[in-house]
């Protein structure tokens, strides 16, 4: 099934999934959500690094 999706679609789905989870369960650690997203969406280590940086920056802006 992943072969049918455009390149990057898994990462976009992971971002949406993580955002939804963070709204509902804000106490879940970021690294745990990233780990779950990596397995759920079959992401690469590069994609995982992107998610960590993306949400780290977003959380910094939110706390400012």
PDB file of N, CA and C in Angstrom:
ATOM      1  N   UNK A   1       0.821  -1.202   0.000  1.00  0.00           N
ATOM      2  CA  UNK A   1       0.000   0.000   0.000  1.00  0.00           C
ATOM      3  C   UNK A   1       0.857   1.256   0.000  1.00  0.00           C
ATOM      4  N   UNK A   2       1.964   1.256   0.748  1.00  0.00           N
ATOM      5  CA  UNK A   2       2.813   2.438   0.796  1.00  0.00           C
ATOM      6  C   UNK A   2       3.377   2.801  -0.564  1.00  0.00           C
ATOM      7  N   UNK A   3       3.525   1.820  -1.463  1.00  0.00           N
ATOM      8  CA  UNK A   3       4.043   2.103  -2.792  1.00  0.00           C
ATOM      9  C   UNK A   3       3.070   2.947  -3.607  1.00  0.00           C
ATOM     10  N   UNK A   4       1.814   2.941  -3.256  1.00  0.00           N
ATOM     11  CA  UNK A   4       0.805   3.691  -3.999  1.00  0.00           C
ATOM     12  C   UNK A   4       0.702   5.143  -3.544  1.00  0.00           C
ATOM     13  N   UNK A   5       1.246   5.457  -2.383  1.00  0.00           N
ATOM     14  CA  UNK A   5       1.159   6.806  -1.854  1.00  0.00           C
ATOM     15  C   UNK A   5       2.277   7.678  -2.428  1.00  0.00           C
ATOM     16  N   UNK A   6       1.990   8.939  -2.678  1.00  0.00           N
ATOM     17  CA  UNK A   6       3.044   9.839  -3.146  1.00  0.00           C
ATOM     18  C   UNK A   6       4.150   9.955  -2.110  1.00  0.00           C
ATOM     19  N   UNK A   7       5.350  10.244  -2.561  1.00  0.00           N
ATOM     20  CA  UNK A   7       6.478  10.383  -1.654  1.00  0.00           C
ATOM     21  C   UNK A   7       6.176  11.476  -0.638  1.00  0.00           C
ATOM     22  N   UNK A   8       6.369  11.182   0.635  1.00  0.00           N
ATOM     23  CA  UNK A   8       6.116  12.139   1.695  1.00  0.00           C
ATOM     24  C   UNK A   8       4.725  12.051   2.299  1.00  0.00           C
ATOM     25  N   UNK A   9       3.842  11.294   1.674  1.00  0.00           N
ATOM     26  CA  UNK A   9       2.471  11.193   2.195  1.00  0.00           C
ATOM     27  C   UNK A   9       2.461  10.553   3.588  1.00  0.00           C
ATOM     28  N   UNK A  10       3.324   9.581   3.811  1.00  0.00           N
ATOM     29  CA  UNK A  10       3.384   8.939   5.124  1.00  0.00           C
ATOM     30  C   UNK A  10       3.774   9.951   6.190  1.00  0.00           C
ATOM     31  N   UNK A  11       4.719  10.822   5.852  1.00  0.00           N
ATOM     32  CA  UNK A  11       5.156  11.838   6.805  1.00  0.00           C
ATOM     33  C   UNK A  11       4.031  12.832   7.095  1.00  0.00           C
ATOM     34  N   UNK A  12       3.290  13.233   6.082  1.00  0.00           N
ATOM     35  CA  UNK A  12       2.152  14.137   6.301  1.00  0.00           C
ATOM     36  C   UNK A  12       1.100  13.478   7.188  1.00  0.00           C
ATOM     37  N   UNK A  13       0.850  12.213   6.964  1.00  0.00           N
ATOM     38  CA  UNK A  13      -0.113  11.498   7.816  1.00  0.00           C
ATOM     39  C   UNK A  13       0.392  11.398   9.246  1.00  0.00           C
ATOM     40  N   UNK A  14       1.687  11.185   9.404  1.00  0.00           N
ATOM     41  CA  UNK A  14       2.273  11.097  10.742  1.00  0.00           C
ATOM     42  C   UNK A  14       2.141  12.420  11.482  1.00  0.00           C
ATOM     43  N   UNK A  15       2.375  13.539  10.787  1.00  0.00           N
ATOM     44  CA  UNK A  15       2.236  14.855  11.415  1.00  0.00           C
ATOM     45  C   UNK A  15       0.806  15.063  11.875  1.00  0.00           C
ATOM     46  N   UNK A  16      -0.149  14.733  11.041  1.00  0.00           N
ATOM     47  CA  UNK A  16      -1.561  14.882  11.418  1.00  0.00           C
ATOM     48  C   UNK A  16      -1.901  13.986  12.599  1.00  0.00           C
ATOM     49  N   UNK A  17      -1.456  12.737  12.553  1.00  0.00           N
ATOM     50  CA  UNK A  17      -1.727  11.787  13.624  1.00  0.00           C
ATOM     51  C   UNK A  17      -1.125  12.282  14.942  1.00  0.00           C
ATOM     52  N   UNK A  18       0.133  12.750  14.891  1.00  0.00           N
ATOM     53  CA  UNK A  18       0.788  13.236  16.109  1.00  0.00           C
ATOM     54  C   UNK A  18       0.087  14.479  16.650  1.00  0.00           C
ATOM     55  N   UNK A  19      -0.300  15.390  15.764  1.00  0.00           N
ATOM     56  CA  UNK A  19      -0.989  16.605  16.206  1.00  0.00           C
ATOM     57  C   UNK A  19      -2.296  16.263  16.906  1.00  0.00           C
ATOM     58  N   UNK A  20      -3.038  15.329  16.339  1.00  0.00           N
ATOM     59  CA  UNK A  20      -4.290  14.894  16.963  1.00  0.00           C
ATOM     60  C   UNK A  20      -4.026  14.297  18.340  1.00  0.00           C
ATOM     61  N   UNK A  21      -3.006  13.452  18.439  1.00  0.00           N
ATOM     62  CA  UNK A  21      -2.681  12.834  19.725  1.00  0.00           C
ATOM     63  C   UNK A  21      -2.229  13.875  20.753  1.00  0.00           C
ATOM     64  N   UNK A  22      -1.464  14.844  20.303  1.00  0.00           N
ATOM     65  CA  UNK A  22      -0.971  15.861  21.233  1.00  0.00           C
ATOM     66  C   UNK A  22      -2.112  16.720  21.769  1.00  0.00           C
ATOM     67  N   UNK A  23      -3.132  16.949  20.965  1.00  0.00           N
ATOM     68  CA  UNK A  23      -4.298  17.708  21.435  1.00  0.00           C
ATOM     69  C   UNK A  23      -5.089  16.910  22.471  1.00  0.00           C
ATOM     70  N   UNK A  24      -5.229  15.604  22.223  1.00  0.00           N
ATOM     71  CA  UNK A  24      -6.033  14.761  23.101  1.00  0.00           C
ATOM     72  C   UNK A  24      -5.273  14.308  24.340  1.00  0.00           C
ATOM     73  N   UNK A  25      -3.991  14.007  24.169  1.00  0.00           N
ATOM     74  CA  UNK A  25      -3.180  13.474  25.265  1.00  0.00           C
ATOM     75  C   UNK A  25      -1.897  14.283  25.378  1.00  0.00           C
ATOM     76  N   UNK A  26      -2.009  15.489  25.866  1.00  0.00           N
ATOM     77  CA  UNK A  26      -0.865  16.398  25.883  1.00  0.00           C
ATOM     78  C   UNK A  26       0.246  15.954  26.837  1.00  0.00           C
ATOM     79  N   UNK A  27      -0.033  15.000  27.708  1.00  0.00           N
ATOM     80  CA  UNK A  27       0.981  14.555  28.653  1.00  0.00           C
ATOM     81  C   UNK A  27       1.888  13.453  28.095  1.00  0.00           C
ATOM     82  N   UNK A  28       1.602  12.952  26.903  1.00  0.00           N
ATOM     83  CA  UNK A  28       2.432  11.914  26.294  1.00  0.00           C
ATOM     84  C   UNK A  28       3.745  12.530  25.827  1.00  0.00           C
ATOM     85  N   UNK A  29       4.893  11.961  26.230  1.00  0.00           N
ATOM     86  CA  UNK A  29       6.186  12.517  25.813  1.00  0.00           C
ATOM     87  C   UNK A  29       6.360  12.489  24.288  1.00  0.00           C
ATOM     88  N   UNK A  30       7.021  13.519  23.788  1.00  0.00           N
ATOM     89  CA  UNK A  30       7.231  13.657  22.355  1.00  0.00           C
ATOM     90  C   UNK A  30       7.952  12.448  21.764  1.00  0.00           C
ATOM     91  N   UNK A  31       8.995  11.982  22.441  1.00  0.00           N
ATOM     92  CA  UNK A  31       9.765  10.858  21.888  1.00  0.00           C
ATOM     93  C   UNK A  31       8.916   9.589  21.760  1.00  0.00           C
ATOM     94  N   UNK A  32       7.970   9.416  22.667  1.00  0.00           N
ATOM     95  CA  UNK A  32       7.090   8.244  22.578  1.00  0.00           C
ATOM     96  C   UNK A  32       6.168   8.352  21.368  1.00  0.00           C
ATOM     97  N   UNK A  33       5.615   9.533  21.128  1.00  0.00           N
ATOM     98  CA  UNK A  33       4.760   9.731  19.955  1.00  0.00           C
ATOM     99  C   UNK A  33       5.547   9.546  18.665  1.00  0.00           C
ATOM    100  N   UNK A  34       6.767  10.052  18.636  1.00  0.00           N
ATOM    101  CA  UNK A  34       7.605   9.884  17.437  1.00  0.00           C
ATOM    102  C   UNK A  34       7.875   8.407  17.201  1.00  0.00           C
ATOM    103  N   UNK A  35       8.220   7.672  18.248  1.00  0.00           N
ATOM    104  CA  UNK A  35       8.461   6.234  18.104  1.00  0.00           C
ATOM    105  C   UNK A  35       7.237   5.516  17.548  1.00  0.00           C
ATOM    106  N   UNK A  36       6.063   5.850  18.076  1.00  0.00           N
ATOM    107  CA  UNK A  36       4.826   5.228  17.592  1.00  0.00           C
ATOM    108  C   UNK A  36       4.572   5.587  16.132  1.00  0.00           C
ATOM    109  N   UNK A  37       4.788   6.839  15.781  1.00  0.00           N
ATOM    110  CA  UNK A  37       4.562   7.293  14.405  1.00  0.00           C
ATOM    111  C   UNK A  37       5.520   6.597  13.428  1.00  0.00           C
ATOM    112  N   UNK A  38       6.760   6.411  13.842  1.00  0.00           N
ATOM    113  CA  UNK A  38       7.745   5.739  12.979  1.00  0.00           C
ATOM    114  C   UNK A  38       7.256   4.348  12.610  1.00  0.00           C
ATOM    115  N   UNK A  39       6.774   3.614  13.577  1.00  0.00           N
ATOM    116  CA  UNK A  39       6.301   2.253  13.301  1.00  0.00           C
ATOM    117  C   UNK A  39       4.953   2.249  12.582  1.00  0.00           C
ATOM    118  N   UNK A  40       4.066   3.119  12.983  1.00  0.00           N
ATOM    119  CA  UNK A  40       2.730   3.150  12.392  1.00  0.00           C
ATOM    120  C   UNK A  40       2.759   3.534  10.912  1.00  0.00           C
ATOM    121  N   UNK A  41       3.631   4.482  10.558  1.00  0.00           N
ATOM    122  CA  UNK A  41       3.670   4.990   9.187  1.00  0.00           C
ATOM    123  C   UNK A  41       4.915   4.553   8.413  1.00  0.00           C
ATOM    124  N   UNK A  42       5.696   3.634   8.990  1.00  0.00           N
ATOM    125  CA  UNK A  42       6.883   3.083   8.337  1.00  0.00           C
ATOM    126  C   UNK A  42       7.817   4.205   7.864  1.00  0.00           C
ATOM    127  N   UNK A  43       8.200   5.062   8.802  1.00  0.00           N
ATOM    128  CA  UNK A  43       9.022   6.215   8.481  1.00  0.00           C
ATOM    129  C   UNK A  43      10.507   5.893   8.584  1.00  0.00           C
ATOM    130  N   UNK A  44      11.297   6.660   7.883  1.00  0.00           N
ATOM    131  CA  UNK A  44      12.751   6.510   7.906  1.00  0.00           C
ATOM    132  C   UNK A  44      13.321   7.256   9.114  1.00  0.00           C
ATOM    133  N   UNK A  45      14.582   6.982   9.453  1.00  0.00           N
ATOM    134  CA  UNK A  45      15.224   7.755  10.527  1.00  0.00           C
ATOM    135  C   UNK A  45      15.254   9.258  10.212  1.00  0.00           C
ATOM    136  N   UNK A  46      15.414   9.595   8.948  1.00  0.00           N
ATOM    137  CA  UNK A  46      15.398  11.012   8.546  1.00  0.00           C
ATOM    138  C   UNK A  46      14.026  11.635   8.829  1.00  0.00           C
ATOM    139  N   UNK A  47      12.959  10.886   8.557  1.00  0.00           N
ATOM    140  CA  UNK A  47      11.604  11.361   8.855  1.00  0.00           C
ATOM    141  C   UNK A  47      11.415  11.539  10.358  1.00  0.00           C
ATOM    142  N   UNK A  48      11.947  10.614  11.139  1.00  0.00           N
ATOM    143  CA  UNK A  48      11.846  10.711  12.602  1.00  0.00           C
ATOM    144  C   UNK A  48      12.562  11.958  13.097  1.00  0.00           C
ATOM    145  N   UNK A  49      13.745  12.231  12.545  1.00  0.00           N
ATOM    146  CA  UNK A  49      14.475  13.444  12.921  1.00  0.00           C
ATOM    147  C   UNK A  49      13.664  14.692  12.581  1.00  0.00           C
ATOM    148  N   UNK A  50      13.013  14.676  11.422  1.00  0.00           N
ATOM    149  CA  UNK A  50      12.174  15.806  11.035  1.00  0.00           C
ATOM    150  C   UNK A  50      11.051  16.023  12.056  1.00  0.00           C
ATOM    151  N   UNK A  51      10.370  14.932  12.433  1.00  0.00           N
ATOM    152  CA  UNK A  51       9.269  15.046  13.395  1.00  0.00           C
ATOM    153  C   UNK A  51       9.743  15.617  14.721  1.00  0.00           C
ATOM    154  N   UNK A  52      10.875  15.147  15.198  1.00  0.00           N
ATOM    155  CA  UNK A  52      11.414  15.631  16.471  1.00  0.00           C
ATOM    156  C   UNK A  52      11.682  17.128  16.388  1.00  0.00           C
ATOM    157  N   UNK A  53      12.373  17.545  15.332  1.00  0.00           N
ATOM    158  CA  UNK A  53      12.710  18.967  15.185  1.00  0.00           C
ATOM    159  C   UNK A  53      11.458  19.826  14.982  1.00  0.00           C
ATOM    160  N   UNK A  54      10.536  19.342  14.146  1.00  0.00           N
ATOM    161  CA  UNK A  54       9.301  20.065  13.864  1.00  0.00           C
ATOM    162  C   UNK A  54       8.512  20.322  15.138  1.00  0.00           C
ATOM    163  N   UNK A  55       8.309  19.288  15.938  1.00  0.00           N
ATOM    164  CA  UNK A  55       7.510  19.452  17.156  1.00  0.00           C
ATOM    165  C   UNK A  55       8.286  20.136  18.270  1.00  0.00           C
ATOM    166  N   UNK A  56       9.592  19.962  18.293  1.00  0.00           N
ATOM    167  CA  UNK A  56      10.409  20.668  19.276  1.00  0.00           C
ATOM    168  C   UNK A  56      10.284  22.174  19.042  1.00  0.00           C
ATOM    169  N   UNK A  57      10.387  22.606  17.786  1.00  0.00           N
ATOM    170  CA  UNK A  57      10.250  24.029  17.455  1.00  0.00           C
ATOM    171  C   UNK A  57       8.825  24.517  17.750  1.00  0.00           C
ATOM    172  N   UNK A  58       7.835  23.709  17.405  1.00  0.00           N
ATOM    173  CA  UNK A  58       6.445  24.099  17.640  1.00  0.00           C
ATOM    174  C   UNK A  58       6.167  24.261  19.130  1.00  0.00           C
ATOM    175  N   UNK A  59       6.714  23.368  19.941  1.00  0.00           N
ATOM    176  CA  UNK A  59       6.500  23.454  21.390  1.00  0.00           C
ATOM    177  C   UNK A  59       7.226  24.649  21.989  1.00  0.00           C
ATOM    178  N   UNK A  60       8.401  24.973  21.447  1.00  0.00           N
ATOM    179  CA  UNK A  60       9.118  26.163  21.919  1.00  0.00           C
ATOM    180  C   UNK A  60       8.314  27.426  21.628  1.00  0.00           C
ATOM    181  N   UNK A  61       7.739  27.511  20.447  1.00  0.00           N
ATOM    182  CA  UNK A  61       6.932  28.683  20.074  1.00  0.00           C
ATOM    183  C   UNK A  61       5.685  28.773  20.953  1.00  0.00           C
ATOM    184  N   UNK A  62       5.102  27.614  21.245  1.00  0.00           N
ATOM    185  CA  UNK A  62       3.888  27.582  22.057  1.00  0.00           C
ATOM    186  C   UNK A  62       4.161  28.072  23.470  1.00  0.00           C
ATOM    187  N   UNK A  63       5.329  27.704  24.008  1.00  0.00           N
ATOM    188  CA  UNK A  63       5.681  28.092  25.377  1.00  0.00           C
ATOM    189  C   UNK A  63       6.143  29.544  25.491  1.00  0.00           C
ATOM    190  N   UNK A  64       6.475  30.168  24.372  1.00  0.00           N
ATOM    191  CA  UNK A  64       6.971  31.560  24.401  1.00  0.00           C
ATOM    192  C   UNK A  64       5.861  32.552  24.616  1.00  0.00           C
TER     193      UNK A  64
END
